[in-house]
């Protein structure tokens, strides 16, 4: 059996790169500012497109319409909405 020695800093950087590649929402923050409706629903933990559209129409979540059927949602506004709805604010 062989032993591989690496420096601590290299191990930390390598671990961060692996996490960035495999978990884009690590630490609760999405990697992209604008996310698809599916990703927005996942962040909000909802299953209904109607609920997502209601949040968009009432201004609770920001959205950008790129074309008639192509809408992207602002991930920061989703996180802010979740924070505003939290029961125990810190």
PDB file of N, CA and C in Angstrom:
ATOM      1  N   UNK A   1       0.843  -1.167   0.000  1.00  0.00           N
ATOM      2  CA  UNK A   1       0.000   0.000   0.000  1.00  0.00           C
ATOM      3  C   UNK A   1       0.895   1.240   0.000  1.00  0.00           C
ATOM      4  N   UNK A   2       0.507   2.234  -0.808  1.00  0.00           N
ATOM      5  CA  UNK A   2       1.311   3.453  -0.874  1.00  0.00           C
ATOM      6  C   UNK A   2       0.586   4.599  -0.175  1.00  0.00           C
ATOM      7  N   UNK A   3       1.330   5.548   0.285  1.00  0.00           N
ATOM      8  CA  UNK A   3       0.818   6.694   1.011  1.00  0.00           C
ATOM      9  C   UNK A   3       1.105   7.949   0.196  1.00  0.00           C
ATOM     10  N   UNK A   4       0.076   8.782   0.042  1.00  0.00           N
ATOM     11  CA  UNK A   4       0.229  10.024  -0.705  1.00  0.00           C
ATOM     12  C   UNK A   4       0.189  11.174   0.286  1.00  0.00           C
ATOM     13  N   UNK A   5       1.168  12.042   0.244  1.00  0.00           N
ATOM     14  CA  UNK A   5       1.231  13.206   1.129  1.00  0.00           C
ATOM     15  C   UNK A   5       0.917  14.462   0.320  1.00  0.00           C
ATOM     16  N   UNK A   6      -0.010  15.273   0.835  1.00  0.00           N
ATOM     17  CA  UNK A   6      -0.319  16.554   0.206  1.00  0.00           C
ATOM     18  C   UNK A   6      -0.380  17.632   1.278  1.00  0.00           C
ATOM     19  N   UNK A   7      -0.194  18.862   0.863  1.00  0.00           N
ATOM     20  CA  UNK A   7      -0.227  19.970   1.800  1.00  0.00           C
ATOM     21  C   UNK A   7      -1.669  20.293   2.182  1.00  0.00           C
ATOM     22  N   UNK A   8      -1.838  20.885   3.368  1.00  0.00           N
ATOM     23  CA  UNK A   8      -3.174  21.213   3.866  1.00  0.00           C
ATOM     24  C   UNK A   8      -3.916  22.169   2.934  1.00  0.00           C
ATOM     25  N   UNK A   9      -3.230  23.207   2.487  1.00  0.00           N
ATOM     26  CA  UNK A   9      -3.857  24.202   1.626  1.00  0.00           C
ATOM     27  C   UNK A   9      -4.325  23.575   0.318  1.00  0.00           C
ATOM     28  N   UNK A  10      -3.525  22.697  -0.241  1.00  0.00           N
ATOM     29  CA  UNK A  10      -3.910  22.015  -1.475  1.00  0.00           C
ATOM     30  C   UNK A  10      -5.158  21.163  -1.251  1.00  0.00           C
ATOM     31  N   UNK A  11      -5.234  20.482  -0.118  1.00  0.00           N
ATOM     32  CA  UNK A  11      -6.399  19.646   0.194  1.00  0.00           C
ATOM     33  C   UNK A  11      -7.661  20.497   0.314  1.00  0.00           C
ATOM     34  N   UNK A  12      -7.554  21.653   0.941  1.00  0.00           N
ATOM     35  CA  UNK A  12      -8.712  22.546   1.088  1.00  0.00           C
ATOM     36  C   UNK A  12      -9.181  23.027  -0.283  1.00  0.00           C
ATOM     37  N   UNK A  13      -8.248  23.474  -1.114  1.00  0.00           N
ATOM     38  CA  UNK A  13      -8.595  23.949  -2.456  1.00  0.00           C
ATOM     39  C   UNK A  13      -9.210  22.840  -3.303  1.00  0.00           C
ATOM     40  N   UNK A  14      -8.646  21.658  -3.222  1.00  0.00           N
ATOM     41  CA  UNK A  14      -9.168  20.520  -3.971  1.00  0.00           C
ATOM     42  C   UNK A  14     -10.585  20.177  -3.513  1.00  0.00           C
ATOM     43  N   UNK A  15     -10.810  20.178  -2.214  1.00  0.00           N
ATOM     44  CA  UNK A  15     -12.135  19.889  -1.668  1.00  0.00           C
ATOM     45  C   UNK A  15     -13.149  20.931  -2.133  1.00  0.00           C
ATOM     46  N   UNK A  16     -12.771  22.210  -2.113  1.00  0.00           N
ATOM     47  CA  UNK A  16     -13.670  23.269  -2.573  1.00  0.00           C
ATOM     48  C   UNK A  16     -14.021  23.095  -4.048  1.00  0.00           C
ATOM     49  N   UNK A  17     -13.056  22.717  -4.859  1.00  0.00           N
ATOM     50  CA  UNK A  17     -13.319  22.511  -6.279  1.00  0.00           C
ATOM     51  C   UNK A  17     -14.269  21.343  -6.497  1.00  0.00           C
ATOM     52  N   UNK A  18     -14.091  20.272  -5.753  1.00  0.00           N
ATOM     53  CA  UNK A  18     -14.981  19.117  -5.882  1.00  0.00           C
ATOM     54  C   UNK A  18     -16.398  19.501  -5.472  1.00  0.00           C
ATOM     55  N   UNK A  19     -16.535  20.236  -4.376  1.00  0.00           N
ATOM     56  CA  UNK A  19     -17.859  20.662  -3.915  1.00  0.00           C
ATOM     57  C   UNK A  19     -18.506  21.593  -4.936  1.00  0.00           C
ATOM     58  N   UNK A  20     -17.742  22.538  -5.492  1.00  0.00           N
ATOM     59  CA  UNK A  20     -18.283  23.451  -6.500  1.00  0.00           C
ATOM     60  C   UNK A  20     -18.783  22.708  -7.727  1.00  0.00           C
ATOM     61  N   UNK A  21     -18.076  21.668  -8.127  1.00  0.00           N
ATOM     62  CA  UNK A  21     -18.454  20.915  -9.320  1.00  0.00           C
ATOM     63  C   UNK A  21     -19.648  19.998  -9.073  1.00  0.00           C
ATOM     64  N   UNK A  22     -19.752  19.439  -7.877  1.00  0.00           N
ATOM     65  CA  UNK A  22     -20.799  18.447  -7.615  1.00  0.00           C
ATOM     66  C   UNK A  22     -22.030  19.021  -6.938  1.00  0.00           C
ATOM     67  N   UNK A  23     -21.892  20.124  -6.204  1.00  0.00           N
ATOM     68  CA  UNK A  23     -23.005  20.702  -5.456  1.00  0.00           C
ATOM     69  C   UNK A  23     -23.084  22.201  -5.730  1.00  0.00           C
ATOM     70  N   UNK A  24     -23.753  22.625  -6.804  1.00  0.00           N
ATOM     71  CA  UNK A  24     -23.779  24.050  -7.127  1.00  0.00           C
ATOM     72  C   UNK A  24     -24.496  24.906  -6.085  1.00  0.00           C
ATOM     73  N   UNK A  25     -25.324  24.309  -5.232  1.00  0.00           N
ATOM     74  CA  UNK A  25     -26.031  25.090  -4.220  1.00  0.00           C
ATOM     75  C   UNK A  25     -25.449  24.866  -2.833  1.00  0.00           C
ATOM     76  N   UNK A  26     -24.184  24.501  -2.750  1.00  0.00           N
ATOM     77  CA  UNK A  26     -23.529  24.301  -1.460  1.00  0.00           C
ATOM     78  C   UNK A  26     -23.554  25.596  -0.665  1.00  0.00           C
ATOM     79  N   UNK A  27     -23.750  25.506   0.629  1.00  0.00           N
ATOM     80  CA  UNK A  27     -23.871  26.639   1.553  1.00  0.00           C
ATOM     81  C   UNK A  27     -25.132  27.435   1.298  1.00  0.00           C
ATOM     82  N   UNK A  28     -26.124  26.822   0.648  1.00  0.00           N
ATOM     83  CA  UNK A  28     -27.416  27.467   0.485  1.00  0.00           C
ATOM     84  C   UNK A  28     -27.501  28.511  -0.611  1.00  0.00           C
ATOM     85  N   UNK A  29     -26.435  28.812  -1.286  1.00  0.00           N
ATOM     86  CA  UNK A  29     -26.467  29.828  -2.313  1.00  0.00           C
ATOM     87  C   UNK A  29     -26.295  29.190  -3.685  1.00  0.00           C
ATOM     88  N   UNK A  30     -27.223  29.456  -4.581  1.00  0.00           N
ATOM     89  CA  UNK A  30     -27.081  28.921  -5.930  1.00  0.00           C
ATOM     90  C   UNK A  30     -25.879  29.531  -6.625  1.00  0.00           C
ATOM     91  N   UNK A  31     -25.345  28.800  -7.569  1.00  0.00           N
ATOM     92  CA  UNK A  31     -24.171  29.271  -8.299  1.00  0.00           C
ATOM     93  C   UNK A  31     -24.553  30.378  -9.283  1.00  0.00           C
ATOM     94  N   UNK A  32     -25.728  30.289  -9.891  1.00  0.00           N
ATOM     95  CA  UNK A  32     -26.163  31.269 -10.888  1.00  0.00           C
ATOM     96  C   UNK A  32     -27.127  32.275 -10.267  1.00  0.00           C
ATOM     97  N   UNK A  33     -27.050  33.523 -10.722  1.00  0.00           N
ATOM     98  CA  UNK A  33     -27.968  34.545 -10.247  1.00  0.00           C
ATOM     99  C   UNK A  33     -29.376  34.281 -10.771  1.00  0.00           C
ATOM    100  N   UNK A  34     -29.484  33.905 -12.038  1.00  0.00           N
ATOM    101  CA  UNK A  34     -30.787  33.635 -12.644  1.00  0.00           C
ATOM    102  C   UNK A  34     -30.934  32.126 -12.838  1.00  0.00           C
ATOM    103  N   UNK A  35     -32.039  31.586 -12.332  1.00  0.00           N
ATOM    104  CA  UNK A  35     -32.245  30.135 -12.377  1.00  0.00           C
ATOM    105  C   UNK A  35     -33.526  29.809 -13.136  1.00  0.00           C
ATOM    106  N   UNK A  36     -33.604  28.577 -13.595  1.00  0.00           N
ATOM    107  CA  UNK A  36     -34.768  28.098 -14.331  1.00  0.00           C
ATOM    108  C   UNK A  36     -35.959  27.940 -13.379  1.00  0.00           C
ATOM    109  N   UNK A  37     -37.165  27.838 -13.925  1.00  0.00           N
ATOM    110  CA  UNK A  37     -38.331  27.610 -13.066  1.00  0.00           C
ATOM    111  C   UNK A  37     -38.204  26.336 -12.220  1.00  0.00           C
ATOM    112  N   UNK A  38     -37.603  25.304 -12.784  1.00  0.00           N
ATOM    113  CA  UNK A  38     -37.430  24.058 -12.038  1.00  0.00           C
ATOM    114  C   UNK A  38     -36.509  24.256 -10.840  1.00  0.00           C
ATOM    115  N   UNK A  39     -35.408  24.988 -11.047  1.00  0.00           N
ATOM    116  CA  UNK A  39     -34.478  25.262  -9.959  1.00  0.00           C
ATOM    117  C   UNK A  39     -35.116  26.188  -8.928  1.00  0.00           C
ATOM    118  N   UNK A  40     -35.906  27.160  -9.388  1.00  0.00           N
ATOM    119  CA  UNK A  40     -36.608  28.063  -8.463  1.00  0.00           C
ATOM    120  C   UNK A  40     -37.585  27.278  -7.589  1.00  0.00           C
ATOM    121  N   UNK A  41     -38.304  26.348  -8.197  1.00  0.00           N
ATOM    122  CA  UNK A  41     -39.244  25.521  -7.426  1.00  0.00           C
ATOM    123  C   UNK A  41     -38.496  24.637  -6.438  1.00  0.00           C
ATOM    124  N   UNK A  42     -37.324  24.150  -6.820  1.00  0.00           N
ATOM    125  CA  UNK A  42     -36.537  23.333  -5.915  1.00  0.00           C
ATOM    126  C   UNK A  42     -36.046  24.161  -4.725  1.00  0.00           C
ATOM    127  N   UNK A  43     -35.581  25.380  -4.992  1.00  0.00           N
ATOM    128  CA  UNK A  43     -35.117  26.250  -3.913  1.00  0.00           C
ATOM    129  C   UNK A  43     -36.253  26.606  -2.955  1.00  0.00           C
ATOM    130  N   UNK A  44     -37.443  26.832  -3.513  1.00  0.00           N
ATOM    131  CA  UNK A  44     -38.606  27.181  -2.689  1.00  0.00           C
ATOM    132  C   UNK A  44     -39.273  25.956  -2.061  1.00  0.00           C
ATOM    133  N   UNK A  45     -38.864  24.788  -2.507  1.00  0.00           N
ATOM    134  CA  UNK A  45     -39.442  23.514  -2.054  1.00  0.00           C
ATOM    135  C   UNK A  45     -40.961  23.464  -2.304  1.00  0.00           C
ATOM    136  N   UNK A  46     -41.320  23.830  -3.524  1.00  0.00           N
ATOM    137  CA  UNK A  46     -42.717  23.757  -3.952  1.00  0.00           C
ATOM    138  C   UNK A  46     -42.788  22.860  -5.178  1.00  0.00           C
ATOM    139  N   UNK A  47     -43.969  22.315  -5.425  1.00  0.00           N
ATOM    140  CA  UNK A  47     -44.159  21.431  -6.573  1.00  0.00           C
ATOM    141  C   UNK A  47     -45.080  22.023  -7.625  1.00  0.00           C
ATOM    142  N   UNK A  48     -45.686  23.148  -7.323  1.00  0.00           N
ATOM    143  CA  UNK A  48     -46.693  23.722  -8.193  1.00  0.00           C
ATOM    144  C   UNK A  48     -46.149  24.897  -8.990  1.00  0.00           C
ATOM    145  N   UNK A  49     -46.295  24.829 -10.297  1.00  0.00           N
ATOM    146  CA  UNK A  49     -45.911  25.937 -11.157  1.00  0.00           C
ATOM    147  C   UNK A  49     -46.815  27.135 -10.885  1.00  0.00           C
ATOM    148  N   UNK A  50     -48.078  26.870 -10.559  1.00  0.00           N
ATOM    149  CA  UNK A  50     -49.033  27.935 -10.259  1.00  0.00           C
ATOM    150  C   UNK A  50     -48.581  28.762  -9.068  1.00  0.00           C
ATOM    151  N   UNK A  51     -48.064  28.107  -8.038  1.00  0.00           N
ATOM    152  CA  UNK A  51     -47.560  28.823  -6.862  1.00  0.00           C
ATOM    153  C   UNK A  51     -46.367  29.686  -7.234  1.00  0.00           C
ATOM    154  N   UNK A  52     -45.478  29.159  -8.052  1.00  0.00           N
ATOM    155  CA  UNK A  52     -44.317  29.926  -8.498  1.00  0.00           C
ATOM    156  C   UNK A  52     -44.761  31.155  -9.281  1.00  0.00           C
ATOM    157  N   UNK A  53     -45.727  30.993 -10.179  1.00  0.00           N
ATOM    158  CA  UNK A  53     -46.242  32.121 -10.953  1.00  0.00           C
ATOM    159  C   UNK A  53     -46.936  33.137 -10.052  1.00  0.00           C
ATOM    160  N   UNK A  54     -47.625  32.670  -9.006  1.00  0.00           N
ATOM    161  CA  UNK A  54     -48.273  33.575  -8.053  1.00  0.00           C
ATOM    162  C   UNK A  54     -47.224  34.413  -7.336  1.00  0.00           C
ATOM    163  N   UNK A  55     -46.127  33.793  -6.910  1.00  0.00           N
ATOM    164  CA  UNK A  55     -45.050  34.532  -6.252  1.00  0.00           C
ATOM    165  C   UNK A  55     -44.456  35.574  -7.198  1.00  0.00           C
ATOM    166  N   UNK A  56     -44.334  35.205  -8.472  1.00  0.00           N
ATOM    167  CA  UNK A  56     -43.796  36.141  -9.470  1.00  0.00           C
ATOM    168  C   UNK A  56     -44.763  37.297  -9.701  1.00  0.00           C
ATOM    169  N   UNK A  57     -46.048  36.986  -9.869  1.00  0.00           N
ATOM    170  CA  UNK A  57     -47.046  38.009 -10.178  1.00  0.00           C
ATOM    171  C   UNK A  57     -47.275  38.979  -9.021  1.00  0.00           C
ATOM    172  N   UNK A  58     -47.127  38.512  -7.786  1.00  0.00           N
ATOM    173  CA  UNK A  58     -47.315  39.389  -6.628  1.00  0.00           C
ATOM    174  C   UNK A  58     -46.041  40.126  -6.246  1.00  0.00           C
ATOM    175  N   UNK A  59     -44.942  39.856  -6.947  1.00  0.00           N
ATOM    176  CA  UNK A  59     -43.695  40.564  -6.702  1.00  0.00           C
ATOM    177  C   UNK A  59     -42.875  40.000  -5.559  1.00  0.00           C
ATOM    178  N   UNK A  60     -43.221  38.823  -5.077  1.00  0.00           N
ATOM    179  CA  UNK A  60     -42.461  38.214  -3.986  1.00  0.00           C
ATOM    180  C   UNK A  60     -41.134  37.657  -4.484  1.00  0.00           C
ATOM    181  N   UNK A  61     -41.101  37.264  -5.754  1.00  0.00           N
ATOM    182  CA  UNK A  61     -39.888  36.729  -6.379  1.00  0.00           C
ATOM    183  C   UNK A  61     -39.696  37.456  -7.705  1.00  0.00           C
ATOM    184  N   UNK A  62     -38.486  37.964  -7.944  1.00  0.00           N
ATOM    185  CA  UNK A  62     -38.186  38.651  -9.199  1.00  0.00           C
ATOM    186  C   UNK A  62     -37.996  37.651 -10.330  1.00  0.00           C
ATOM    187  N   UNK A  63     -38.413  38.060 -11.512  1.00  0.00           N
ATOM    188  CA  UNK A  63     -38.266  37.192 -12.680  1.00  0.00           C
ATOM    189  C   UNK A  63     -37.941  38.044 -13.897  1.00  0.00           C
ATOM    190  N   UNK A  64     -37.317  37.422 -14.868  1.00  0.00           N
ATOM    191  CA  UNK A  64     -37.006  38.074 -16.142  1.00  0.00           C
ATOM    192  C   UNK A  64     -37.584  37.224 -17.262  1.00  0.00           C
ATOM    193  N   UNK A  65     -38.382  37.846 -18.106  1.00  0.00           N
ATOM    194  CA  UNK A  65     -38.974  37.127 -19.234  1.00  0.00           C
ATOM    195  C   UNK A  65     -38.106  37.355 -20.454  1.00  0.00           C
ATOM    196  N   UNK A  66     -37.486  36.285 -20.943  1.00  0.00           N
ATOM    197  CA  UNK A  66     -36.614  36.380 -22.108  1.00  0.00           C
ATOM    198  C   UNK A  66     -37.387  36.228 -23.410  1.00  0.00           C
ATOM    199  N   UNK A  67     -38.446  35.446 -23.352  1.00  0.00           N
ATOM    200  CA  UNK A  67     -39.345  35.293 -24.486  1.00  0.00           C
ATOM    201  C   UNK A  67     -40.706  34.917 -23.916  1.00  0.00           C
ATOM    202  N   UNK A  68     -41.646  34.643 -24.773  1.00  0.00           N
ATOM    203  CA  UNK A  68     -43.002  34.364 -24.308  1.00  0.00           C
ATOM    204  C   UNK A  68     -43.051  33.205 -23.310  1.00  0.00           C
ATOM    205  N   UNK A  69     -42.280  32.164 -23.558  1.00  0.00           N
ATOM    206  CA  UNK A  69     -42.314  30.986 -22.688  1.00  0.00           C
ATOM    207  C   UNK A  69     -41.053  30.771 -21.870  1.00  0.00           C
ATOM    208  N   UNK A  70     -40.079  31.660 -21.983  1.00  0.00           N
ATOM    209  CA  UNK A  70     -38.804  31.463 -21.298  1.00  0.00           C
ATOM    210  C   UNK A  70     -38.647  32.503 -20.185  1.00  0.00           C
ATOM    211  N   UNK A  71     -38.798  32.058 -18.936  1.00  0.00           N
ATOM    212  CA  UNK A  71     -38.703  32.932 -17.771  1.00  0.00           C
ATOM    213  C   UNK A  71     -37.591  32.419 -16.865  1.00  0.00           C
ATOM    214  N   UNK A  72     -36.768  33.337 -16.375  1.00  0.00           N
ATOM    215  CA  UNK A  72     -35.738  33.007 -15.400  1.00  0.00           C
ATOM    216  C   UNK A  72     -36.056  33.741 -14.095  1.00  0.00           C
ATOM    217  N   UNK A  73     -35.686  33.136 -12.978  1.00  0.00           N
ATOM    218  CA  UNK A  73     -35.991  33.687 -11.659  1.00  0.00           C
ATOM    219  C   UNK A  73     -34.710  34.085 -10.945  1.00  0.00           C
ATOM    220  N   UNK A  74     -34.782  35.209 -10.221  1.00  0.00           N
ATOM    221  CA  UNK A  74     -33.643  35.740  -9.481  1.00  0.00           C
ATOM    222  C   UNK A  74     -33.451  34.922  -8.209  1.00  0.00           C
ATOM    223  N   UNK A  75     -32.335  34.217  -8.118  1.00  0.00           N
ATOM    224  CA  UNK A  75     -32.101  33.336  -6.974  1.00  0.00           C
ATOM    225  C   UNK A  75     -31.941  34.120  -5.674  1.00  0.00           C
ATOM    226  N   UNK A  76     -31.370  35.326  -5.745  1.00  0.00           N
ATOM    227  CA  UNK A  76     -31.218  36.132  -4.532  1.00  0.00           C
ATOM    228  C   UNK A  76     -32.569  36.572  -3.981  1.00  0.00           C
ATOM    229  N   UNK A  77     -33.518  36.893  -4.867  1.00  0.00           N
ATOM    230  CA  UNK A  77     -34.846  37.283  -4.387  1.00  0.00           C
ATOM    231  C   UNK A  77     -35.577  36.075  -3.796  1.00  0.00           C
ATOM    232  N   UNK A  78     -35.293  34.889  -4.302  1.00  0.00           N
ATOM    233  CA  UNK A  78     -35.888  33.673  -3.724  1.00  0.00           C
ATOM    234  C   UNK A  78     -35.362  33.466  -2.318  1.00  0.00           C
ATOM    235  N   UNK A  79     -34.042  33.607  -2.139  1.00  0.00           N
ATOM    236  CA  UNK A  79     -33.456  33.437  -0.810  1.00  0.00           C
ATOM    237  C   UNK A  79     -33.945  34.520   0.149  1.00  0.00           C
ATOM    238  N   UNK A  80     -34.117  35.756  -0.346  1.00  0.00           N
ATOM    239  CA  UNK A  80     -34.634  36.835   0.496  1.00  0.00           C
ATOM    240  C   UNK A  80     -36.078  36.547   0.894  1.00  0.00           C
ATOM    241  N   UNK A  81     -36.889  36.057  -0.048  1.00  0.00           N
ATOM    242  CA  UNK A  81     -38.275  35.705   0.244  1.00  0.00           C
ATOM    243  C   UNK A  81     -38.337  34.630   1.329  1.00  0.00           C
ATOM    244  N   UNK A  82     -37.492  33.620   1.221  1.00  0.00           N
ATOM    245  CA  UNK A  82     -37.463  32.565   2.242  1.00  0.00           C
ATOM    246  C   UNK A  82     -37.035  33.125   3.594  1.00  0.00           C
ATOM    247  N   UNK A  83     -36.068  34.022   3.588  1.00  0.00           N
ATOM    248  CA  UNK A  83     -35.617  34.635   4.832  1.00  0.00           C
ATOM    249  C   UNK A  83     -36.723  35.492   5.452  1.00  0.00           C
ATOM    250  N   UNK A  84     -37.452  36.237   4.614  1.00  0.00           N
ATOM    251  CA  UNK A  84     -38.548  37.069   5.121  1.00  0.00           C
ATOM    252  C   UNK A  84     -39.671  36.232   5.712  1.00  0.00           C
ATOM    253  N   UNK A  85     -39.850  35.018   5.195  1.00  0.00           N
ATOM    254  CA  UNK A  85     -40.928  34.144   5.664  1.00  0.00           C
ATOM    255  C   UNK A  85     -40.532  33.292   6.869  1.00  0.00           C
ATOM    256  N   UNK A  86     -39.262  33.350   7.267  1.00  0.00           N
ATOM    257  CA  UNK A  86     -38.805  32.497   8.352  1.00  0.00           C
ATOM    258  C   UNK A  86     -39.445  32.928   9.674  1.00  0.00           C
ATOM    259  N   UNK A  87     -39.677  31.965  10.537  1.00  0.00           N
ATOM    260  CA  UNK A  87     -40.325  32.227  11.827  1.00  0.00           C
ATOM    261  C   UNK A  87     -39.349  32.747  12.853  1.00  0.00           C
ATOM    262  N   UNK A  88     -38.141  32.217  12.866  1.00  0.00           N
ATOM    263  CA  UNK A  88     -37.122  32.621  13.851  1.00  0.00           C
ATOM    264  C   UNK A  88     -36.049  33.412  13.127  1.00  0.00           C
ATOM    265  N   UNK A  89     -36.211  34.723  13.073  1.00  0.00           N
ATOM    266  CA  UNK A  89     -35.225  35.553  12.386  1.00  0.00           C
ATOM    267  C   UNK A  89     -34.076  35.837  13.322  1.00  0.00           C
ATOM    268  N   UNK A  90     -32.872  35.745  12.787  1.00  0.00           N
ATOM    269  CA  UNK A  90     -31.676  35.965  13.597  1.00  0.00           C
ATOM    270  C   UNK A  90     -31.110  37.331  13.342  1.00  0.00           C
TER     271      UNK A  90
END
